Amino acid sequence: MSPVVGAAASLAVSSAAWSVDATPSSCSARSGTTTARVIEFHTSEGCNSCPPADRWLSRLAPEMEKNTDAVALAFHVDYWDRLGWKDRFASAAYTYRQSQQQASNDAKFSYTPQVVLEGLDNKDWPRTRLPLKATTPAQAQISMTREGKQFNASVAPAAGGPTRLAAYWAVTELNHITSVKAGENAGMTLKHDFLVREYKTIPAWSAKPDVPTLLSFEPSTPSDINHARQVNLVVVDADTGRPVQALKLGC
């Protein structure tokens, strides 16, 4: 199955209070008082320097499962596909996202493997260890609830925070295995965790501390018991592209 990408998800602004339905078909999560640390990883099955970084990210999985202060997202780019092996998880939309980020993450060019930590290029990723305890005061609060197949979120900006926000939803899965038959990694078996399977952007909006913004998203990627799934919402400063809050829900 190819990754699913799409245009902007639905957005509505409301001053209504946020409530959670406690029925068995629902679950919820709420962000904390600090800004969650966001790891964005750009990789490809056709890149022979990527497997060590893939393994590094996978080693974070046990801690990330219980760490609510960190979100990890592995985007597979497609510019390696023409060099002998087509990555079944790659998407031109992820390549475009990486090129857009270059303007704000301090990288001089797009490359793989690339780790972007909290919106900034991080070449020191091999020495990055968990727990990635968040310490920066939150510039926004997120409440998220799943109701059946739909995920609903309320984003409440903090006083003194950015006045223009944007966001994106990303569906991630764990434990995907690929036996590479050609290209630079021919003969290797690769394991992928935090693999982005679906990605939808939300356009910028004017943020006011007293007016929560309500977002909704219904994944089109079916859940799979063999690959634990999380639905992630990342809220960014629309002017700088840097994350101001993130939240994941794995139910």
C-alpha atoms as a PDB file:
ATOM      1  CA  MET A   1       0.000   0.000   0.000  1.00  0.00           C
ATOM      2  CA  SER A   2       1.319   3.412  -0.949  1.00  0.00           C
ATOM      3  CA  PRO A   3       1.357   6.297   1.514  1.00  0.00           C
ATOM      4  CA  VAL A   4      -1.775   8.422   1.483  1.00  0.00           C
ATOM      5  CA  VAL A   5      -1.296  12.169   1.224  1.00  0.00           C
ATOM      6  CA  GLY A   6      -3.793  14.878   0.705  1.00  0.00           C
ATOM      7  CA  ALA A   7      -4.750  18.506   0.747  1.00  0.00           C
ATOM      8  CA  ALA A   8      -5.711  20.496   3.808  1.00  0.00           C
ATOM      9  CA  ALA A   9      -7.783  18.763   6.461  1.00  0.00           C
ATOM     10  CA  SER A  10     -10.930  20.412   7.729  1.00  0.00           C
ATOM     11  CA  LEU A  11     -10.626  23.368  10.103  1.00  0.00           C
ATOM     12  CA  ALA A  12     -13.173  25.284  12.100  1.00  0.00           C
ATOM     13  CA  VAL A  13     -12.890  27.979  14.747  1.00  0.00           C
ATOM     14  CA  SER A  14     -15.171  27.904  17.757  1.00  0.00           C
ATOM     15  CA  SER A  15     -15.367  29.309  21.272  1.00  0.00           C
ATOM     16  CA  ALA A  16     -17.251  26.259  22.533  1.00  0.00           C
ATOM     17  CA  ALA A  17     -15.854  24.197  25.399  1.00  0.00           C
ATOM     18  CA  TRP A  18     -14.174  20.916  24.457  1.00  0.00           C
ATOM     19  CA  SER A  19     -15.837  17.754  25.779  1.00  0.00           C
ATOM     20  CA  VAL A  20     -14.918  14.070  25.595  1.00  0.00           C
ATOM     21  CA  ASP A  21     -17.420  11.302  24.994  1.00  0.00           C
ATOM     22  CA  ALA A  22     -16.544   8.476  27.382  1.00  0.00           C
ATOM     23  CA  THR A  23     -18.090   5.675  25.290  1.00  0.00           C
ATOM     24  CA  PRO A  24     -15.997   2.517  24.755  1.00  0.00           C
ATOM     25  CA  SER A  25     -15.447   3.451  21.091  1.00  0.00           C
ATOM     26  CA  SER A  26     -13.607   6.641  22.051  1.00  0.00           C
ATOM     27  CA  CYS A  27     -10.290   7.556  23.619  1.00  0.00           C
ATOM     28  CA  SER A  28      -8.533  10.830  24.291  1.00  0.00           C
ATOM     29  CA  ALA A  29      -5.246  12.541  25.100  1.00  0.00           C
ATOM     30  CA  ARG A  30      -4.186  16.012  26.200  1.00  0.00           C
ATOM     31  CA  SER A  31      -0.842  17.791  25.823  1.00  0.00           C
ATOM     32  CA  GLY A  32       1.145  18.910  28.838  1.00  0.00           C
ATOM     33  CA  THR A  33       2.564  22.192  30.040  1.00  0.00           C
ATOM     34  CA  THR A  34       5.725  21.848  27.928  1.00  0.00           C
ATOM     35  CA  THR A  35       6.167  21.713  24.151  1.00  0.00           C
ATOM     36  CA  ALA A  36       6.461  18.107  22.974  1.00  0.00           C
ATOM     37  CA  ARG A  37       9.747  17.365  21.200  1.00  0.00           C
ATOM     38  CA  VAL A  38       9.171  16.523  17.531  1.00  0.00           C
ATOM     39  CA  ILE A  39      11.550  14.261  15.591  1.00  0.00           C
ATOM     40  CA  GLU A  40      11.064  14.391  11.817  1.00  0.00           C
ATOM     41  CA  PHE A  41      13.172  11.845   9.985  1.00  0.00           C
ATOM     42  CA  HIS A  42      13.749  11.888   6.204  1.00  0.00           C
ATOM     43  CA  THR A  43      14.924   8.582   4.768  1.00  0.00           C
ATOM     44  CA  SER A  44      14.750   6.197   1.798  1.00  0.00           C
ATOM     45  CA  GLU A  45      15.139   2.473   1.205  1.00  0.00           C
ATOM     46  CA  GLY A  46      17.390   3.346  -1.741  1.00  0.00           C
ATOM     47  CA  CYS A  47      19.962   5.262   0.361  1.00  0.00           C
ATOM     48  CA  ASN A  48      22.850   3.144   1.665  1.00  0.00           C
ATOM     49  CA  SER A  49      23.636   5.557   4.508  1.00  0.00           C
ATOM     50  CA  CYS A  50      20.044   5.440   5.811  1.00  0.00           C
ATOM     51  CA  PRO A  51      19.860   1.981   7.492  1.00  0.00           C
ATOM     52  CA  PRO A  52      21.951   3.056  10.532  1.00  0.00           C
ATOM     53  CA  ALA A  53      19.612   6.016  11.039  1.00  0.00           C
ATOM     54  CA  ASP A  54      16.567   3.740  10.608  1.00  0.00           C
ATOM     55  CA  ARG A  55      17.969   1.484  13.343  1.00  0.00           C
ATOM     56  CA  TRP A  56      18.640   4.495  15.574  1.00  0.00           C
ATOM     57  CA  LEU A  57      15.025   5.597  15.252  1.00  0.00           C
ATOM     58  CA  SER A  58      13.759   2.064  15.939  1.00  0.00           C
ATOM     59  CA  ARG A  59      15.824   1.911  19.131  1.00  0.00           C
ATOM     60  CA  LEU A  60      13.823   4.873  20.387  1.00  0.00           C
ATOM     61  CA  ALA A  61      10.526   2.982  19.997  1.00  0.00           C
ATOM     62  CA  PRO A  62      10.257   1.378  23.481  1.00  0.00           C
ATOM     63  CA  GLU A  63      10.841   4.689  25.249  1.00  0.00           C
ATOM     64  CA  MET A  64       8.696   6.647  22.785  1.00  0.00           C
ATOM     65  CA  GLU A  65       5.760   4.332  23.484  1.00  0.00           C
ATOM     66  CA  LYS A  66       5.560   5.652  27.055  1.00  0.00           C
ATOM     67  CA  ASN A  67       6.964   9.142  26.462  1.00  0.00           C
ATOM     68  CA  THR A  68       4.136  11.609  25.931  1.00  0.00           C
ATOM     69  CA  ASP A  69       6.625  14.458  25.512  1.00  0.00           C
ATOM     70  CA  ALA A  70       7.964  13.281  22.127  1.00  0.00           C
ATOM     71  CA  VAL A  71       6.554  12.545  18.669  1.00  0.00           C
ATOM     72  CA  ALA A  72       8.525  10.746  15.930  1.00  0.00           C
ATOM     73  CA  LEU A  73       7.677  10.815  12.210  1.00  0.00           C
ATOM     74  CA  ALA A  74       9.611   8.993   9.471  1.00  0.00           C
ATOM     75  CA  PHE A  75       8.993  10.486   6.009  1.00  0.00           C
ATOM     76  CA  HIS A  76      10.262   8.407   3.064  1.00  0.00           C
ATOM     77  CA  VAL A  77      11.319  10.672   0.186  1.00  0.00           C
ATOM     78  CA  ASP A  78      11.122   9.609  -3.457  1.00  0.00           C
ATOM     79  CA  TYR A  79      14.233  11.137  -5.063  1.00  0.00           C
ATOM     80  CA  TRP A  80      16.169   7.901  -4.545  1.00  0.00           C
ATOM     81  CA  ASP A  81      13.569   5.832  -6.431  1.00  0.00           C
ATOM     82  CA  ARG A  82      15.216   6.394  -9.814  1.00  0.00           C
ATOM     83  CA  LEU A  83      18.497   4.810  -8.674  1.00  0.00           C
ATOM     84  CA  GLY A  84      17.563   1.143  -8.862  1.00  0.00           C
ATOM     85  CA  TRP A  85      15.005   0.555  -6.096  1.00  0.00           C
ATOM     86  CA  LYS A  86      11.533   2.042  -5.674  1.00  0.00           C
ATOM     87  CA  ASP A  87      10.668   2.644  -2.029  1.00  0.00           C
ATOM     88  CA  ARG A  88       7.059   1.504  -1.580  1.00  0.00           C
ATOM     89  CA  PHE A  89       6.585   4.000   1.250  1.00  0.00           C
ATOM     90  CA  ALA A  90       8.027   7.006  -0.563  1.00  0.00           C
ATOM     91  CA  SER A  91       5.954   9.969  -1.687  1.00  0.00           C
ATOM     92  CA  ALA A  92       6.613  13.092  -3.712  1.00  0.00           C
ATOM     93  CA  ALA A  93       4.615  14.951  -1.041  1.00  0.00           C
ATOM     94  CA  TYR A  94       7.217  13.990   1.562  1.00  0.00           C
ATOM     95  CA  THR A  95      10.015  15.149  -0.719  1.00  0.00           C
ATOM     96  CA  TYR A  96       8.198  18.446  -1.153  1.00  0.00           C
ATOM     97  CA  ARG A  97       7.756  18.761   2.602  1.00  0.00           C
ATOM     98  CA  GLN A  98      11.495  18.291   3.115  1.00  0.00           C
ATOM     99  CA  SER A  99      12.307  20.963   0.533  1.00  0.00           C
ATOM    100  CA  GLN A 100       9.854  23.374   2.178  1.00  0.00           C
ATOM    101  CA  GLN A 101      11.417  22.771   5.588  1.00  0.00           C
ATOM    102  CA  GLN A 102      14.849  23.659   4.286  1.00  0.00           C
ATOM    103  CA  ALA A 103      13.897  27.330   4.408  1.00  0.00           C
ATOM    104  CA  SER A 104      13.412  27.189   8.190  1.00  0.00           C
ATOM    105  CA  ASN A 105      15.444  24.266   9.588  1.00  0.00           C
ATOM    106  CA  ASP A 106      18.918  25.736   8.860  1.00  0.00           C
ATOM    107  CA  ALA A 107      19.904  22.920   6.469  1.00  0.00           C
ATOM    108  CA  LYS A 108      21.790  24.068   3.367  1.00  0.00           C
ATOM    109  CA  PHE A 109      20.182  21.379   1.189  1.00  0.00           C
ATOM    110  CA  SER A 110      17.883  18.359   1.382  1.00  0.00           C
ATOM    111  CA  TYR A 111      19.592  15.063   2.117  1.00  0.00           C
ATOM    112  CA  THR A 112      19.108  11.603   3.636  1.00  0.00           C
ATOM    113  CA  PRO A 113      19.253  10.520   6.314  1.00  0.00           C
ATOM    114  CA  GLN A 114      18.140  13.774   7.871  1.00  0.00           C
ATOM    115  CA  VAL A 115      16.863  14.227  11.404  1.00  0.00           C
ATOM    116  CA  VAL A 116      14.981  17.441  12.140  1.00  0.00           C
ATOM    117  CA  LEU A 117      14.589  17.900  15.894  1.00  0.00           C
ATOM    118  CA  GLU A 118      12.136  20.567  17.049  1.00  0.00           C
ATOM    119  CA  GLY A 119      12.209  22.126  13.591  1.00  0.00           C
ATOM    120  CA  LEU A 120      16.018  22.333  13.292  1.00  0.00           C
ATOM    121  CA  ASP A 121      18.476  20.219  11.296  1.00  0.00           C
ATOM    122  CA  ASN A 122      20.250  17.879  13.734  1.00  0.00           C
ATOM    123  CA  LYS A 123      23.407  16.256  12.396  1.00  0.00           C
ATOM    124  CA  ASP A 124      24.229  15.012  15.906  1.00  0.00           C
ATOM    125  CA  TRP A 125      21.384  12.465  15.850  1.00  0.00           C
ATOM    126  CA  PRO A 126      23.611   9.403  16.576  1.00  0.00           C
ATOM    127  CA  ARG A 127      24.249  10.833  20.048  1.00  0.00           C
ATOM    128  CA  THR A 128      20.653  11.834  20.718  1.00  0.00           C
ATOM    129  CA  ARG A 129      19.225   9.731  23.543  1.00  0.00           C
ATOM    130  CA  LEU A 130      15.930   9.388  25.310  1.00  0.00           C
ATOM    131  CA  PRO A 131      14.174  10.330  27.407  1.00  0.00           C
ATOM    132  CA  LEU A 132      13.709  13.405  25.256  1.00  0.00           C
ATOM    133  CA  LYS A 133      12.273  15.290  28.190  1.00  0.00           C
ATOM    134  CA  ALA A 134      10.549  18.469  27.089  1.00  0.00           C
ATOM    135  CA  THR A 135      11.465  21.618  29.011  1.00  0.00           C
ATOM    136  CA  THR A 136      10.198  24.488  26.837  1.00  0.00           C
ATOM    137  CA  PRO A 137       6.907  25.992  28.098  1.00  0.00           C
ATOM    138  CA  ALA A 138       4.033  25.104  25.791  1.00  0.00           C
ATOM    139  CA  GLN A 139       2.927  27.769  23.324  1.00  0.00           C
ATOM    140  CA  ALA A 140      -0.292  25.876  22.670  1.00  0.00           C
ATOM    141  CA  GLN A 141      -2.411  23.165  24.220  1.00  0.00           C
ATOM    142  CA  ILE A 142      -3.960  20.278  22.286  1.00  0.00           C
ATOM    143  CA  SER A 143      -6.819  18.011  23.302  1.00  0.00           C
ATOM    144  CA  MET A 144      -7.524  15.078  20.989  1.00  0.00           C
ATOM    145  CA  THR A 145     -10.334  12.517  20.947  1.00  0.00           C
ATOM    146  CA  ARG A 146     -11.134   9.593  18.676  1.00  0.00           C
ATOM    147  CA  GLU A 147     -14.827   9.058  18.048  1.00  0.00           C
ATOM    148  CA  GLY A 148     -15.250   5.976  15.883  1.00  0.00           C
ATOM    149  CA  LYS A 149     -13.057   6.552  12.820  1.00  0.00           C
ATOM    150  CA  GLN A 150     -12.775  10.314  13.286  1.00  0.00           C
ATOM    151  CA  PHE A 151     -10.165  12.200  15.288  1.00  0.00           C
ATOM    152  CA  ASN A 152     -11.120  15.587  16.708  1.00  0.00           C
ATOM    153  CA  ALA A 153      -8.714  18.068  18.237  1.00  0.00           C
ATOM    154  CA  SER A 154      -8.939  21.391  19.992  1.00  0.00           C
ATOM    155  CA  VAL A 155      -5.925  23.715  19.712  1.00  0.00           C
ATOM    156  CA  ALA A 156      -5.745  26.508  22.269  1.00  0.00           C
ATOM    157  CA  PRO A 157      -2.841  28.956  21.747  1.00  0.00           C
ATOM    158  CA  ALA A 158      -1.067  30.282  24.828  1.00  0.00           C
ATOM    159  CA  ALA A 159      -0.991  33.983  25.659  1.00  0.00           C
ATOM    160  CA  GLY A 160       2.090  35.586  24.159  1.00  0.00           C
ATOM    161  CA  GLY A 161       2.573  32.769  21.660  1.00  0.00           C
ATOM    162  CA  PRO A 162       2.526  32.933  17.835  1.00  0.00           C
ATOM    163  CA  THR A 163      -0.451  34.743  16.347  1.00  0.00           C
ATOM    164  CA  ARG A 164      -0.484  32.574  13.202  1.00  0.00           C
ATOM    165  CA  LEU A 165      -0.537  28.796  13.494  1.00  0.00           C
ATOM    166  CA  ALA A 166      -0.610  25.940  11.003  1.00  0.00           C
ATOM    167  CA  ALA A 167      -0.670  22.188  11.531  1.00  0.00           C
ATOM    168  CA  TYR A 168      -0.574  18.757   9.997  1.00  0.00           C
ATOM    169  CA  TRP A 169      -1.901  15.303  10.774  1.00  0.00           C
ATOM    170  CA  ALA A 170       0.332  12.265  10.305  1.00  0.00           C
ATOM    171  CA  VAL A 171      -0.613   8.599  10.680  1.00  0.00           C
ATOM    172  CA  THR A 172       2.398   6.517  11.689  1.00  0.00           C
ATOM    173  CA  GLU A 173       2.938   2.763  11.980  1.00  0.00           C
ATOM    174  CA  LEU A 174       5.568   0.555  13.600  1.00  0.00           C
ATOM    175  CA  ASN A 175       7.367  -2.614  12.501  1.00  0.00           C
ATOM    176  CA  HIS A 176       7.293  -2.574   8.700  1.00  0.00           C
ATOM    177  CA  ILE A 177       9.838  -4.892   7.064  1.00  0.00           C
ATOM    178  CA  THR A 178      11.214  -4.676   3.519  1.00  0.00           C
ATOM    179  CA  SER A 179      13.597  -7.075   1.772  1.00  0.00           C
ATOM    180  CA  VAL A 180      15.430  -4.847  -0.691  1.00  0.00           C
ATOM    181  CA  LYS A 181      16.171  -6.571  -4.000  1.00  0.00           C
ATOM    182  CA  ALA A 182      18.087  -3.889  -5.899  1.00  0.00           C
ATOM    183  CA  GLY A 183      19.834  -0.543  -5.611  1.00  0.00           C
ATOM    184  CA  GLU A 184      22.381   0.501  -3.002  1.00  0.00           C
ATOM    185  CA  ASN A 185      20.778  -1.622  -0.262  1.00  0.00           C
ATOM    186  CA  ALA A 186      20.308  -4.788  -2.359  1.00  0.00           C
ATOM    187  CA  GLY A 187      20.213  -7.889  -0.169  1.00  0.00           C
ATOM    188  CA  MET A 188      19.381  -5.992   3.027  1.00  0.00           C
ATOM    189  CA  THR A 189      16.295  -6.415   5.189  1.00  0.00           C
ATOM    190  CA  LEU A 190      15.150  -3.036   6.496  1.00  0.00           C
ATOM    191  CA  LYS A 191      12.883  -2.340   9.455  1.00  0.00           C
ATOM    192  CA  HIS A 192      10.857   0.858   9.631  1.00  0.00           C
ATOM    193  CA  ASP A 193       9.248   2.391  12.704  1.00  0.00           C
ATOM    194  CA  PHE A 194       7.225   5.600  13.082  1.00  0.00           C
ATOM    195  CA  LEU A 195       6.613   5.251   9.351  1.00  0.00           C
ATOM    196  CA  VAL A 196       4.357   8.005   8.004  1.00  0.00           C
ATOM    197  CA  ARG A 197       1.526   6.299   6.093  1.00  0.00           C
ATOM    198  CA  GLU A 198      -0.766   9.283   5.705  1.00  0.00           C
ATOM    199  CA  TYR A 199      -0.186  13.032   5.882  1.00  0.00           C
ATOM    200  CA  LYS A 200      -2.579  15.980   5.660  1.00  0.00           C
ATOM    201  CA  THR A 201      -1.783  19.638   6.067  1.00  0.00           C
ATOM    202  CA  ILE A 202      -3.918  22.337   7.645  1.00  0.00           C
ATOM    203  CA  PRO A 203      -3.492  25.881   6.323  1.00  0.00           C
ATOM    204  CA  ALA A 204      -2.464  28.776   8.541  1.00  0.00           C
ATOM    205  CA  TRP A 205      -5.041  30.507  10.700  1.00  0.00           C
ATOM    206  CA  SER A 206      -5.089  33.495  13.050  1.00  0.00           C
ATOM    207  CA  ALA A 207      -4.633  32.286  16.614  1.00  0.00           C
ATOM    208  CA  LYS A 208      -6.304  33.932  19.582  1.00  0.00           C
ATOM    209  CA  PRO A 209      -5.795  32.661  23.154  1.00  0.00           C
ATOM    210  CA  ASP A 210      -9.490  32.923  23.976  1.00  0.00           C
ATOM    211  CA  VAL A 211     -10.706  31.154  20.805  1.00  0.00           C
ATOM    212  CA  PRO A 212      -9.819  27.441  20.519  1.00  0.00           C
ATOM    213  CA  THR A 213      -9.540  26.052  17.019  1.00  0.00           C
ATOM    214  CA  LEU A 214     -11.303  22.770  16.286  1.00  0.00           C
ATOM    215  CA  LEU A 215      -9.744  20.345  13.797  1.00  0.00           C
ATOM    216  CA  SER A 216     -11.054  17.039  12.490  1.00  0.00           C
ATOM    217  CA  PHE A 217      -9.449  14.200  10.569  1.00  0.00           C
ATOM    218  CA  GLU A 218     -10.583  10.778   9.413  1.00  0.00           C
ATOM    219  CA  PRO A 219      -7.680   8.563   8.290  1.00  0.00           C
ATOM    220  CA  SER A 220      -8.174   6.686   5.053  1.00  0.00           C
ATOM    221  CA  THR A 221      -5.393   4.240   5.906  1.00  0.00           C
ATOM    222  CA  PRO A 222      -7.012   1.190   7.550  1.00  0.00           C
ATOM    223  CA  SER A 223      -5.609   0.099  10.889  1.00  0.00           C
ATOM    224  CA  ASP A 224      -3.550  -3.103  10.904  1.00  0.00           C
ATOM    225  CA  ILE A 225      -3.054  -5.233  14.018  1.00  0.00           C
ATOM    226  CA  ASN A 226       0.446  -6.136  12.777  1.00  0.00           C
ATOM    227  CA  HIS A 227       1.568  -2.511  12.728  1.00  0.00           C
ATOM    228  CA  ALA A 228       0.741  -0.445  15.797  1.00  0.00           C
ATOM    229  CA  ARG A 229      -0.688   2.879  14.660  1.00  0.00           C
ATOM    230  CA  GLN A 230      -0.607   6.385  16.060  1.00  0.00           C
ATOM    231  CA  VAL A 231      -2.397   9.483  14.850  1.00  0.00           C
ATOM    232  CA  ASN A 232      -0.223  12.543  15.412  1.00  0.00           C
ATOM    233  CA  LEU A 233      -1.123  16.223  15.284  1.00  0.00           C
ATOM    234  CA  VAL A 234       1.753  18.705  15.011  1.00  0.00           C
ATOM    235  CA  VAL A 235       0.999  22.427  15.420  1.00  0.00           C
ATOM    236  CA  VAL A 236       3.613  24.868  14.125  1.00  0.00           C
ATOM    237  CA  ASP A 237       4.294  28.579  14.086  1.00  0.00           C
ATOM    238  CA  ALA A 238       3.074  29.473  10.583  1.00  0.00           C
ATOM    239  CA  ASP A 239       5.778  32.129  10.177  1.00  0.00           C
ATOM    240  CA  THR A 240       8.810  30.108  11.303  1.00  0.00           C
ATOM    241  CA  GLY A 241       7.684  26.520  10.639  1.00  0.00           C
ATOM    242  CA  ARG A 242       8.855  25.497  14.133  1.00  0.00           C
ATOM    243  CA  PRO A 243       6.637  23.173  16.211  1.00  0.00           C
ATOM    244  CA  VAL A 244       4.789  24.821  19.098  1.00  0.00           C
ATOM    245  CA  GLN A 245       3.004  21.655  20.277  1.00  0.00           C
ATOM    246  CA  ALA A 246       2.370  18.060  19.209  1.00  0.00           C
ATOM    247  CA  LEU A 247       0.216  15.215  20.442  1.00  0.00           C
ATOM    248  CA  LYS A 248      -0.197  11.536  19.553  1.00  0.00           C
ATOM    249  CA  LEU A 249      -3.066   9.126  20.085  1.00  0.00           C
ATOM    250  CA  GLY A 250      -2.517   5.396  19.683  1.00  0.00           C
ATOM    251  CA  CYS A 251      -5.990   3.962  20.076  1.00  0.00           C
END
